[in-house]
Amino acid sequence: MVTMINYGKQKITSEKTCRNQVSRLHTFVNPKGRVILDYGCGKFDKGLHYLMDKGADRVAGFDPFNRSDSENEKAVHWMKHNIPDTVLCANVLNVIQEQEVRSKVIKVCRDSLNLNLIGEVYFSVYAGDNSGVPKKTKCGWQEHRKLKSYLPEIEPYFDKVEVKKNVIIATKNPVR
C-alpha cells in the first residue's frame, strides 16, 4: 500500500518537470480491465483520462510534488478499496538526484501492487541528452541516463524485470 514518503532528502524537487501531455508510457500499456496507479502523475490529468478512455477499470494518480496533500490522501484512500494490479511510473526516476530516493519510489511502486495477483510496474525515463552526466536543469534535475542503466536499481525489488520497446516491465508474483 502506498504511504506518504518523506522526500526530505531530495535536494531538487521535480515540481517543474511536469508536462501537460499523455506520456509515451501511457500509450504503451494496454489498460483494458486494469486497476492502475499512476505514480508521479504530475498535476495534469491527461494521462489518467487517456487510461480510462482506453478501457482501464479504475485509475488514480499520486504525485508528492504536483498534487496537494488532500489529493494524494484521496489516492491512498482509493487504493484501500481499489488495489492496483498495475503501476505506471513515467519519467520519474530520471528527475531524482539521490539514489536512495529513487529506491524508495521503486519500492513504493512495488508495494502498491495487489499482493494476491501478479502485478506489473512499468517504468519509463526521459534520457535527456543520453550523456550519462547528471545535472541540474532550469526545471529541476535530469539524470541523462539510458533506460537500461536503471535496471540494477529496479531488479532487487521484483521477481522478473525486462525491457520492451524502451520500457522497463517489472513483475511481482503473488504472495503465497
N, C-alpha and C. Protein backbone atom coordinates (compact mmCIF):
# COMPACT_ATOMS: atom_id res chain seq x y z
N MET A 1 0.84 -1.19 0.00
CA MET A 1 0.00 0.00 0.00
C MET A 1 0.89 1.25 0.00
N VAL A 2 0.53 2.21 -0.82
CA VAL A 2 1.30 3.45 -0.89
C VAL A 2 1.14 4.22 0.40
N THR A 3 2.23 4.73 0.89
CA THR A 3 2.19 5.61 2.05
C THR A 3 2.86 6.91 1.63
N MET A 4 2.61 7.95 2.37
CA MET A 4 3.28 9.21 2.08
C MET A 4 4.76 9.03 2.36
N ILE A 5 5.57 9.32 1.41
CA ILE A 5 7.01 9.16 1.55
C ILE A 5 7.61 10.47 2.02
N ASN A 6 8.56 10.39 2.91
CA ASN A 6 9.30 11.57 3.32
C ASN A 6 10.38 11.83 2.27
N TYR A 7 10.18 12.86 1.47
CA TYR A 7 11.13 13.20 0.42
C TYR A 7 12.12 14.24 0.90
N GLY A 8 12.29 14.34 2.21
CA GLY A 8 13.16 15.35 2.77
C GLY A 8 14.59 15.34 2.27
N LYS A 9 15.07 14.18 1.82
CA LYS A 9 16.45 14.09 1.35
C LYS A 9 16.60 14.47 -0.11
N GLN A 10 15.49 14.71 -0.80
CA GLN A 10 15.57 15.09 -2.21
C GLN A 10 15.89 16.58 -2.29
N LYS A 11 17.09 16.91 -2.76
CA LYS A 11 17.56 18.29 -2.78
C LYS A 11 16.83 19.15 -3.80
N ILE A 12 16.53 18.58 -4.96
CA ILE A 12 15.88 19.32 -6.04
C ILE A 12 14.57 18.62 -6.37
N THR A 13 13.45 19.32 -6.22
CA THR A 13 12.14 18.70 -6.48
C THR A 13 11.91 18.56 -7.98
N SER A 14 10.95 17.73 -8.31
CA SER A 14 10.57 17.53 -9.71
C SER A 14 9.32 18.32 -10.07
N GLU A 15 8.96 19.24 -9.24
CA GLU A 15 7.74 20.02 -9.40
C GLU A 15 7.64 20.71 -10.77
N LYS A 16 8.73 21.22 -11.29
CA LYS A 16 8.68 21.97 -12.55
C LYS A 16 8.95 21.11 -13.78
N THR A 17 9.11 19.80 -13.58
CA THR A 17 9.37 18.92 -14.73
C THR A 17 8.08 18.36 -15.33
N CYS A 18 6.95 18.64 -14.71
CA CYS A 18 5.65 18.13 -15.14
C CYS A 18 5.24 18.74 -16.49
N ARG A 19 4.72 17.91 -17.40
CA ARG A 19 4.25 18.36 -18.70
C ARG A 19 2.78 17.98 -18.88
N ASN A 20 2.01 18.84 -19.53
CA ASN A 20 0.59 18.60 -19.76
C ASN A 20 0.42 17.78 -21.04
N GLN A 21 0.70 16.48 -20.93
CA GLN A 21 0.63 15.60 -22.10
C GLN A 21 0.42 14.15 -21.64
N VAL A 22 0.05 13.30 -22.58
CA VAL A 22 -0.03 11.87 -22.32
C VAL A 22 1.36 11.32 -22.60
N SER A 23 1.96 10.67 -21.64
CA SER A 23 3.32 10.16 -21.83
C SER A 23 3.30 8.95 -22.77
N ARG A 24 4.44 8.67 -23.33
CA ARG A 24 4.59 7.50 -24.20
C ARG A 24 4.30 6.22 -23.42
N LEU A 25 4.62 6.20 -22.13
CA LEU A 25 4.35 5.03 -21.30
C LEU A 25 2.85 4.74 -21.24
N HIS A 26 2.04 5.76 -21.13
CA HIS A 26 0.59 5.57 -21.08
C HIS A 26 0.08 4.90 -22.36
N THR A 27 0.66 5.25 -23.49
CA THR A 27 0.22 4.67 -24.75
C THR A 27 0.80 3.27 -24.96
N PHE A 28 1.83 2.91 -24.24
CA PHE A 28 2.47 1.60 -24.34
C PHE A 28 1.64 0.51 -23.65
N VAL A 29 1.07 0.84 -22.51
CA VAL A 29 0.35 -0.12 -21.68
C VAL A 29 -1.05 -0.35 -22.22
N ASN A 30 -1.47 -1.61 -22.22
CA ASN A 30 -2.86 -1.91 -22.54
C ASN A 30 -3.64 -1.85 -21.22
N PRO A 31 -4.42 -0.79 -21.02
CA PRO A 31 -5.07 -0.60 -19.73
C PRO A 31 -6.38 -1.36 -19.55
N LYS A 32 -6.86 -2.01 -20.60
CA LYS A 32 -8.18 -2.63 -20.58
C LYS A 32 -8.36 -3.55 -19.36
N GLY A 33 -9.36 -3.21 -18.54
CA GLY A 33 -9.71 -4.01 -17.38
C GLY A 33 -8.77 -3.91 -16.19
N ARG A 34 -7.77 -3.06 -16.26
CA ARG A 34 -6.78 -2.97 -15.18
C ARG A 34 -7.16 -1.92 -14.14
N VAL A 35 -6.66 -2.14 -12.94
CA VAL A 35 -6.74 -1.14 -11.87
C VAL A 35 -5.33 -0.53 -11.80
N ILE A 36 -5.24 0.77 -12.11
CA ILE A 36 -3.94 1.40 -12.34
C ILE A 36 -3.70 2.57 -11.40
N LEU A 37 -2.50 2.57 -10.82
CA LEU A 37 -2.00 3.73 -10.10
C LEU A 37 -0.95 4.39 -10.98
N ASP A 38 -1.10 5.67 -11.23
CA ASP A 38 -0.10 6.44 -11.98
C ASP A 38 0.72 7.19 -10.93
N TYR A 39 1.91 6.63 -10.61
CA TYR A 39 2.76 7.18 -9.57
C TYR A 39 3.68 8.25 -10.18
N GLY A 40 3.55 9.47 -9.69
CA GLY A 40 4.29 10.59 -10.26
C GLY A 40 3.55 11.16 -11.46
N CYS A 41 2.24 11.17 -11.36
CA CYS A 41 1.37 11.52 -12.48
C CYS A 41 1.42 12.99 -12.89
N GLY A 42 2.01 13.83 -12.06
CA GLY A 42 2.03 15.26 -12.37
C GLY A 42 0.75 15.93 -11.93
N LYS A 43 0.61 17.20 -12.30
CA LYS A 43 -0.57 17.95 -11.87
C LYS A 43 -1.70 17.91 -12.89
N PHE A 44 -1.43 17.35 -14.05
CA PHE A 44 -2.45 17.29 -15.10
C PHE A 44 -3.04 15.89 -15.18
N ASP A 45 -4.27 15.81 -15.67
CA ASP A 45 -4.99 14.54 -15.69
C ASP A 45 -5.08 13.89 -17.07
N LYS A 46 -4.35 14.40 -18.05
CA LYS A 46 -4.45 13.82 -19.40
C LYS A 46 -4.14 12.33 -19.43
N GLY A 47 -3.09 11.92 -18.73
CA GLY A 47 -2.73 10.50 -18.70
C GLY A 47 -3.81 9.65 -18.06
N LEU A 48 -4.38 10.13 -16.95
CA LEU A 48 -5.44 9.39 -16.26
C LEU A 48 -6.67 9.25 -17.14
N HIS A 49 -7.05 10.34 -17.82
CA HIS A 49 -8.20 10.31 -18.73
C HIS A 49 -7.94 9.37 -19.90
N TYR A 50 -6.74 9.40 -20.42
CA TYR A 50 -6.37 8.53 -21.53
C TYR A 50 -6.56 7.06 -21.14
N LEU A 51 -6.06 6.69 -19.96
CA LEU A 51 -6.18 5.31 -19.50
C LEU A 51 -7.64 4.88 -19.36
N MET A 52 -8.48 5.75 -18.81
CA MET A 52 -9.90 5.43 -18.67
C MET A 52 -10.55 5.31 -20.05
N ASP A 53 -10.23 6.23 -20.94
CA ASP A 53 -10.80 6.19 -22.29
C ASP A 53 -10.42 4.92 -23.04
N LYS A 54 -9.26 4.35 -22.70
CA LYS A 54 -8.77 3.14 -23.36
C LYS A 54 -9.19 1.86 -22.65
N GLY A 55 -10.04 1.99 -21.63
CA GLY A 55 -10.63 0.79 -21.03
C GLY A 55 -10.13 0.38 -19.67
N ALA A 56 -9.34 1.21 -19.00
CA ALA A 56 -8.93 0.87 -17.63
C ALA A 56 -10.18 0.72 -16.77
N ASP A 57 -10.15 -0.21 -15.86
CA ASP A 57 -11.27 -0.42 -14.95
C ASP A 57 -11.38 0.75 -13.97
N ARG A 58 -10.24 1.07 -13.33
CA ARG A 58 -10.17 2.18 -12.38
C ARG A 58 -8.76 2.75 -12.41
N VAL A 59 -8.64 4.05 -12.18
CA VAL A 59 -7.32 4.70 -12.15
C VAL A 59 -7.27 5.74 -11.04
N ALA A 60 -6.05 5.98 -10.57
CA ALA A 60 -5.79 7.07 -9.62
C ALA A 60 -4.39 7.58 -9.86
N GLY A 61 -4.16 8.82 -9.49
CA GLY A 61 -2.84 9.42 -9.63
C GLY A 61 -2.31 9.89 -8.29
N PHE A 62 -1.00 9.76 -8.12
CA PHE A 62 -0.32 10.18 -6.91
C PHE A 62 0.95 10.90 -7.31
N ASP A 63 1.18 12.08 -6.74
CA ASP A 63 2.41 12.82 -7.05
C ASP A 63 2.75 13.73 -5.87
N PRO A 64 3.87 13.46 -5.18
CA PRO A 64 4.21 14.22 -3.98
C PRO A 64 4.57 15.68 -4.23
N PHE A 65 4.92 16.04 -5.46
CA PHE A 65 5.31 17.42 -5.73
C PHE A 65 4.28 18.20 -6.55
N ASN A 66 3.40 17.50 -7.26
CA ASN A 66 2.47 18.20 -8.14
C ASN A 66 1.01 18.01 -7.78
N ARG A 67 0.75 17.29 -6.71
CA ARG A 67 -0.62 17.13 -6.21
C ARG A 67 -0.63 17.57 -4.75
N SER A 68 -1.77 18.08 -4.35
CA SER A 68 -1.89 18.53 -2.96
C SER A 68 -1.92 17.33 -2.02
N ASP A 69 -1.66 17.61 -0.74
CA ASP A 69 -1.74 16.54 0.26
C ASP A 69 -3.12 15.88 0.25
N SER A 70 -4.17 16.68 0.10
CA SER A 70 -5.51 16.09 0.11
C SER A 70 -5.74 15.22 -1.13
N GLU A 71 -5.23 15.62 -2.28
CA GLU A 71 -5.36 14.79 -3.49
C GLU A 71 -4.60 13.47 -3.31
N ASN A 72 -3.40 13.56 -2.75
CA ASN A 72 -2.62 12.34 -2.52
C ASN A 72 -3.26 11.45 -1.47
N GLU A 73 -3.83 12.04 -0.44
CA GLU A 73 -4.54 11.26 0.59
C GLU A 73 -5.74 10.56 -0.02
N LYS A 74 -6.45 11.22 -0.95
CA LYS A 74 -7.57 10.58 -1.63
C LYS A 74 -7.09 9.39 -2.45
N ALA A 75 -5.94 9.53 -3.10
CA ALA A 75 -5.39 8.42 -3.88
C ALA A 75 -5.03 7.25 -2.97
N VAL A 76 -4.44 7.53 -1.81
CA VAL A 76 -4.10 6.47 -0.87
C VAL A 76 -5.38 5.80 -0.36
N HIS A 77 -6.39 6.60 -0.03
CA HIS A 77 -7.68 6.04 0.42
C HIS A 77 -8.31 5.20 -0.70
N TRP A 78 -8.26 5.69 -1.92
CA TRP A 78 -8.79 4.97 -3.08
C TRP A 78 -8.15 3.57 -3.18
N MET A 79 -6.83 3.52 -2.91
CA MET A 79 -6.11 2.26 -3.03
C MET A 79 -6.51 1.23 -1.97
N LYS A 80 -7.08 1.67 -0.88
CA LYS A 80 -7.54 0.72 0.13
C LYS A 80 -8.72 -0.10 -0.38
N HIS A 81 -9.43 0.44 -1.37
CA HIS A 81 -10.61 -0.23 -1.93
C HIS A 81 -10.40 -0.66 -3.38
N ASN A 82 -9.34 -0.22 -3.99
CA ASN A 82 -9.04 -0.50 -5.40
C ASN A 82 -7.55 -0.80 -5.54
N ILE A 83 -7.13 -1.94 -5.06
CA ILE A 83 -5.70 -2.25 -5.02
C ILE A 83 -5.20 -2.47 -6.45
N PRO A 84 -4.21 -1.71 -6.87
CA PRO A 84 -3.75 -1.79 -8.26
C PRO A 84 -3.09 -3.12 -8.62
N ASP A 85 -3.34 -3.54 -9.86
CA ASP A 85 -2.59 -4.65 -10.43
C ASP A 85 -1.51 -4.10 -11.37
N THR A 86 -1.57 -2.78 -11.60
CA THR A 86 -0.62 -2.12 -12.50
C THR A 86 -0.25 -0.76 -11.93
N VAL A 87 1.04 -0.45 -11.97
CA VAL A 87 1.52 0.87 -11.56
C VAL A 87 2.35 1.43 -12.71
N LEU A 88 2.10 2.67 -13.06
CA LEU A 88 2.90 3.36 -14.07
C LEU A 88 3.79 4.37 -13.36
N CYS A 89 5.03 4.44 -13.78
CA CYS A 89 5.99 5.39 -13.21
C CYS A 89 6.73 6.01 -14.40
N ALA A 90 6.11 7.02 -14.97
CA ALA A 90 6.60 7.62 -16.21
C ALA A 90 7.47 8.84 -15.95
N ASN A 91 8.72 8.75 -16.37
CA ASN A 91 9.64 9.89 -16.31
C ASN A 91 9.79 10.46 -14.91
N VAL A 92 9.89 9.57 -13.94
CA VAL A 92 10.06 9.96 -12.55
C VAL A 92 11.49 9.72 -12.08
N LEU A 93 12.00 8.53 -12.30
CA LEU A 93 13.33 8.18 -11.78
C LEU A 93 14.42 9.11 -12.32
N ASN A 94 14.26 9.56 -13.54
CA ASN A 94 15.29 10.40 -14.17
C ASN A 94 15.35 11.82 -13.61
N VAL A 95 14.36 12.22 -12.83
CA VAL A 95 14.38 13.58 -12.26
C VAL A 95 14.68 13.58 -10.76
N ILE A 96 15.20 12.45 -10.27
CA ILE A 96 15.56 12.33 -8.86
C ILE A 96 17.07 12.14 -8.77
N GLN A 97 17.72 13.05 -8.11
CA GLN A 97 19.18 13.05 -7.99
C GLN A 97 19.68 11.92 -7.09
N GLU A 98 19.02 11.69 -5.97
CA GLU A 98 19.51 10.78 -4.94
C GLU A 98 19.07 9.34 -5.21
N GLN A 99 20.03 8.44 -5.25
CA GLN A 99 19.74 7.02 -5.49
C GLN A 99 18.83 6.45 -4.41
N GLU A 100 19.01 6.86 -3.17
CA GLU A 100 18.18 6.32 -2.09
C GLU A 100 16.72 6.75 -2.23
N VAL A 101 16.48 7.92 -2.78
CA VAL A 101 15.10 8.37 -3.01
C VAL A 101 14.50 7.60 -4.19
N ARG A 102 15.29 7.38 -5.24
CA ARG A 102 14.80 6.55 -6.35
C ARG A 102 14.42 5.16 -5.84
N SER A 103 15.24 4.61 -4.95
CA SER A 103 14.95 3.29 -4.37
C SER A 103 13.62 3.30 -3.62
N LYS A 104 13.36 4.37 -2.86
CA LYS A 104 12.09 4.48 -2.14
C LYS A 104 10.91 4.50 -3.12
N VAL A 105 11.07 5.23 -4.20
CA VAL A 105 9.99 5.31 -5.21
C VAL A 105 9.75 3.93 -5.82
N ILE A 106 10.81 3.23 -6.19
CA ILE A 106 10.68 1.89 -6.77
C ILE A 106 9.98 0.95 -5.79
N LYS A 107 10.38 1.01 -4.54
CA LYS A 107 9.78 0.14 -3.52
C LYS A 107 8.31 0.48 -3.31
N VAL A 108 7.96 1.75 -3.27
CA VAL A 108 6.56 2.13 -3.10
C VAL A 108 5.73 1.67 -4.29
N CYS A 109 6.29 1.77 -5.48
CA CYS A 109 5.56 1.28 -6.66
C CYS A 109 5.28 -0.22 -6.52
N ARG A 110 6.28 -0.97 -6.12
CA ARG A 110 6.10 -2.41 -5.91
C ARG A 110 5.09 -2.69 -4.80
N ASP A 111 5.21 -1.99 -3.69
CA ASP A 111 4.35 -2.24 -2.54
C ASP A 111 2.90 -1.80 -2.79
N SER A 112 2.68 -1.03 -3.82
CA SER A 112 1.33 -0.58 -4.16
C SER A 112 0.51 -1.67 -4.85
N LEU A 113 1.18 -2.69 -5.37
CA LEU A 113 0.50 -3.74 -6.12
C LEU A 113 -0.29 -4.67 -5.22
N ASN A 114 -1.33 -5.26 -5.79
CA ASN A 114 -2.15 -6.23 -5.10
C ASN A 114 -1.30 -7.45 -4.75
N LEU A 115 -1.25 -7.83 -3.48
CA LEU A 115 -0.42 -8.94 -3.02
C LEU A 115 -0.89 -10.30 -3.56
N ASN A 116 -2.16 -10.39 -3.93
CA ASN A 116 -2.74 -11.67 -4.32
C ASN A 116 -2.74 -11.92 -5.83
N LEU A 117 -2.25 -10.97 -6.58
CA LEU A 117 -2.24 -11.09 -8.04
C LEU A 117 -0.84 -10.87 -8.58
N ILE A 118 -0.61 -11.36 -9.79
CA ILE A 118 0.61 -10.95 -10.48
C ILE A 118 0.44 -9.46 -10.76
N GLY A 119 1.43 -8.67 -10.42
CA GLY A 119 1.34 -7.24 -10.64
C GLY A 119 2.52 -6.75 -11.45
N GLU A 120 2.30 -5.67 -12.17
CA GLU A 120 3.36 -5.12 -13.01
C GLU A 120 3.53 -3.63 -12.75
N VAL A 121 4.79 -3.23 -12.70
CA VAL A 121 5.12 -1.81 -12.66
C VAL A 121 5.86 -1.50 -13.95
N TYR A 122 5.41 -0.48 -14.62
CA TYR A 122 6.02 -0.03 -15.87
C TYR A 122 6.80 1.25 -15.59
N PHE A 123 8.07 1.24 -15.94
CA PHE A 123 8.93 2.40 -15.76
C PHE A 123 9.38 2.92 -17.12
N SER A 124 9.32 4.23 -17.29
CA SER A 124 9.96 4.86 -18.44
C SER A 124 10.77 6.04 -17.91
N VAL A 125 11.77 6.44 -18.67
CA VAL A 125 12.57 7.61 -18.29
C VAL A 125 12.80 8.47 -19.51
N TYR A 126 12.97 9.73 -19.28
CA TYR A 126 13.43 10.65 -20.31
C TYR A 126 14.94 10.68 -20.16
N ALA A 127 15.64 10.28 -21.21
CA ALA A 127 17.10 10.15 -21.12
C ALA A 127 17.84 11.46 -21.37
N GLY A 128 17.11 12.53 -21.61
CA GLY A 128 17.79 13.81 -21.83
C GLY A 128 18.74 13.72 -23.00
N ASP A 129 19.98 14.09 -22.78
CA ASP A 129 20.97 14.06 -23.87
C ASP A 129 21.72 12.73 -23.95
N ASN A 130 21.31 11.74 -23.15
CA ASN A 130 21.93 10.40 -23.14
C ASN A 130 23.40 10.40 -22.74
N SER A 131 23.88 11.47 -22.16
CA SER A 131 25.31 11.58 -21.84
C SER A 131 25.70 10.76 -20.61
N GLY A 132 24.71 10.46 -19.76
CA GLY A 132 25.02 9.80 -18.50
C GLY A 132 25.62 10.75 -17.48
N VAL A 133 25.62 12.04 -17.81
CA VAL A 133 26.17 13.05 -16.90
C VAL A 133 24.99 13.79 -16.26
N PRO A 134 24.66 13.46 -15.02
CA PRO A 134 23.53 14.11 -14.35
C PRO A 134 23.84 15.57 -14.05
N LYS A 135 22.80 16.40 -14.11
CA LYS A 135 23.00 17.81 -13.77
C LYS A 135 21.67 18.51 -13.51
N LYS A 136 21.80 19.62 -12.82
CA LYS A 136 20.66 20.49 -12.55
C LYS A 136 20.26 21.16 -13.87
N THR A 137 18.94 21.30 -14.07
CA THR A 137 18.43 21.96 -15.25
C THR A 137 17.58 23.15 -14.82
N LYS A 138 17.06 23.90 -15.77
CA LYS A 138 16.21 25.05 -15.42
C LYS A 138 14.89 24.60 -14.78
N CYS A 139 14.51 23.33 -15.01
CA CYS A 139 13.26 22.81 -14.45
C CYS A 139 13.46 21.94 -13.23
N GLY A 140 14.69 21.54 -12.94
CA GLY A 140 14.93 20.67 -11.79
C GLY A 140 16.20 19.88 -11.93
N TRP A 141 16.07 18.57 -12.01
CA TRP A 141 17.22 17.66 -12.11
C TRP A 141 16.99 16.72 -13.27
N GLN A 142 18.08 16.32 -13.93
CA GLN A 142 18.00 15.35 -15.02
C GLN A 142 19.19 14.41 -14.93
N GLU A 143 18.92 13.11 -14.87
CA GLU A 143 19.98 12.11 -14.79
C GLU A 143 20.71 11.91 -16.12
N HIS A 144 20.04 12.15 -17.25
CA HIS A 144 20.63 11.97 -18.60
C HIS A 144 21.15 10.55 -18.80
N ARG A 145 20.44 9.56 -18.21
CA ARG A 145 20.86 8.17 -18.30
C ARG A 145 19.95 7.37 -19.22
N LYS A 146 20.51 6.37 -19.85
CA LYS A 146 19.73 5.46 -20.68
C LYS A 146 18.88 4.57 -19.78
N LEU A 147 17.78 4.12 -20.31
CA LEU A 147 16.82 3.32 -19.55
C LEU A 147 17.48 2.11 -18.88
N LYS A 148 18.28 1.37 -19.60
CA LYS A 148 18.87 0.13 -19.06
C LYS A 148 19.77 0.38 -17.86
N SER A 149 20.26 1.60 -17.70
CA SER A 149 21.13 1.89 -16.55
C SER A 149 20.35 1.87 -15.23
N TYR A 150 19.02 1.89 -15.30
CA TYR A 150 18.19 1.84 -14.09
C TYR A 150 17.89 0.40 -13.66
N LEU A 151 18.20 -0.58 -14.50
CA LEU A 151 17.89 -1.98 -14.18
C LEU A 151 18.48 -2.43 -12.84
N PRO A 152 19.76 -2.13 -12.54
CA PRO A 152 20.30 -2.57 -11.25
C PRO A 152 19.57 -1.97 -10.04
N GLU A 153 18.93 -0.84 -10.22
CA GLU A 153 18.18 -0.23 -9.12
C GLU A 153 16.80 -0.87 -8.96
N ILE A 154 16.24 -1.39 -10.04
CA ILE A 154 14.88 -1.93 -10.04
C ILE A 154 14.87 -3.42 -9.75
N GLU A 155 15.81 -4.16 -10.30
CA GLU A 155 15.80 -5.63 -10.22
C GLU A 155 15.70 -6.21 -8.81
N PRO A 156 16.34 -5.63 -7.79
CA PRO A 156 16.25 -6.25 -6.46
C PRO A 156 14.84 -6.30 -5.87
N TYR A 157 13.93 -5.52 -6.39
CA TYR A 157 12.59 -5.41 -5.81
C TYR A 157 11.53 -6.28 -6.50
N PHE A 158 11.89 -6.95 -7.59
CA PHE A 158 10.89 -7.66 -8.39
C PHE A 158 11.34 -9.08 -8.73
N ASP A 159 10.36 -9.91 -9.06
CA ASP A 159 10.63 -11.30 -9.44
C ASP A 159 11.16 -11.40 -10.86
N LYS A 160 10.73 -10.52 -11.73
CA LYS A 160 11.14 -10.54 -13.13
C LYS A 160 11.19 -9.10 -13.64
N VAL A 161 12.25 -8.76 -14.35
CA VAL A 161 12.39 -7.42 -14.92
C VAL A 161 12.88 -7.58 -16.36
N GLU A 162 12.18 -6.92 -17.27
CA GLU A 162 12.57 -6.98 -18.68
C GLU A 162 12.38 -5.61 -19.33
N VAL A 163 13.06 -5.43 -20.46
CA VAL A 163 12.92 -4.20 -21.22
C VAL A 163 12.25 -4.53 -22.54
N LYS A 164 11.18 -3.79 -22.85
CA LYS A 164 10.49 -3.93 -24.14
C LYS A 164 10.20 -2.53 -24.66
N LYS A 165 10.63 -2.29 -25.88
CA LYS A 165 10.35 -1.02 -26.55
C LYS A 165 10.64 0.18 -25.66
N ASN A 166 11.80 0.17 -25.03
CA ASN A 166 12.26 1.28 -24.18
C ASN A 166 11.38 1.53 -22.95
N VAL A 167 10.82 0.43 -22.44
CA VAL A 167 10.04 0.46 -21.21
C VAL A 167 10.52 -0.69 -20.33
N ILE A 168 10.71 -0.42 -19.06
CA ILE A 168 11.03 -1.50 -18.11
C ILE A 168 9.72 -2.03 -17.54
N ILE A 169 9.54 -3.34 -17.65
CA ILE A 169 8.37 -4.00 -17.10
C ILE A 169 8.86 -4.87 -15.94
N ALA A 170 8.44 -4.51 -14.74
CA ALA A 170 8.86 -5.21 -13.53
C ALA A 170 7.67 -5.95 -12.98
N THR A 171 7.80 -7.27 -12.81
CA THR A 171 6.69 -8.12 -12.39
C THR A 171 6.91 -8.64 -10.98
N LYS A 172 5.84 -8.60 -10.19
CA LYS A 172 5.82 -9.14 -8.84
C LYS A 172 4.83 -10.29 -8.84
N ASN A 173 5.27 -11.44 -8.38
CA ASN A 173 4.38 -12.59 -8.28
C ASN A 173 3.51 -12.49 -7.04
N PRO A 174 2.37 -13.20 -7.03
CA PRO A 174 1.50 -13.17 -5.84
C PRO A 174 2.20 -13.74 -4.62
N VAL A 175 1.82 -13.26 -3.46
CA VAL A 175 2.33 -13.81 -2.20
C VAL A 175 1.57 -15.11 -1.95
N ARG A 176 2.28 -16.16 -1.69
CA ARG A 176 1.65 -17.48 -1.45
C ARG A 176 1.75 -17.85 0.01
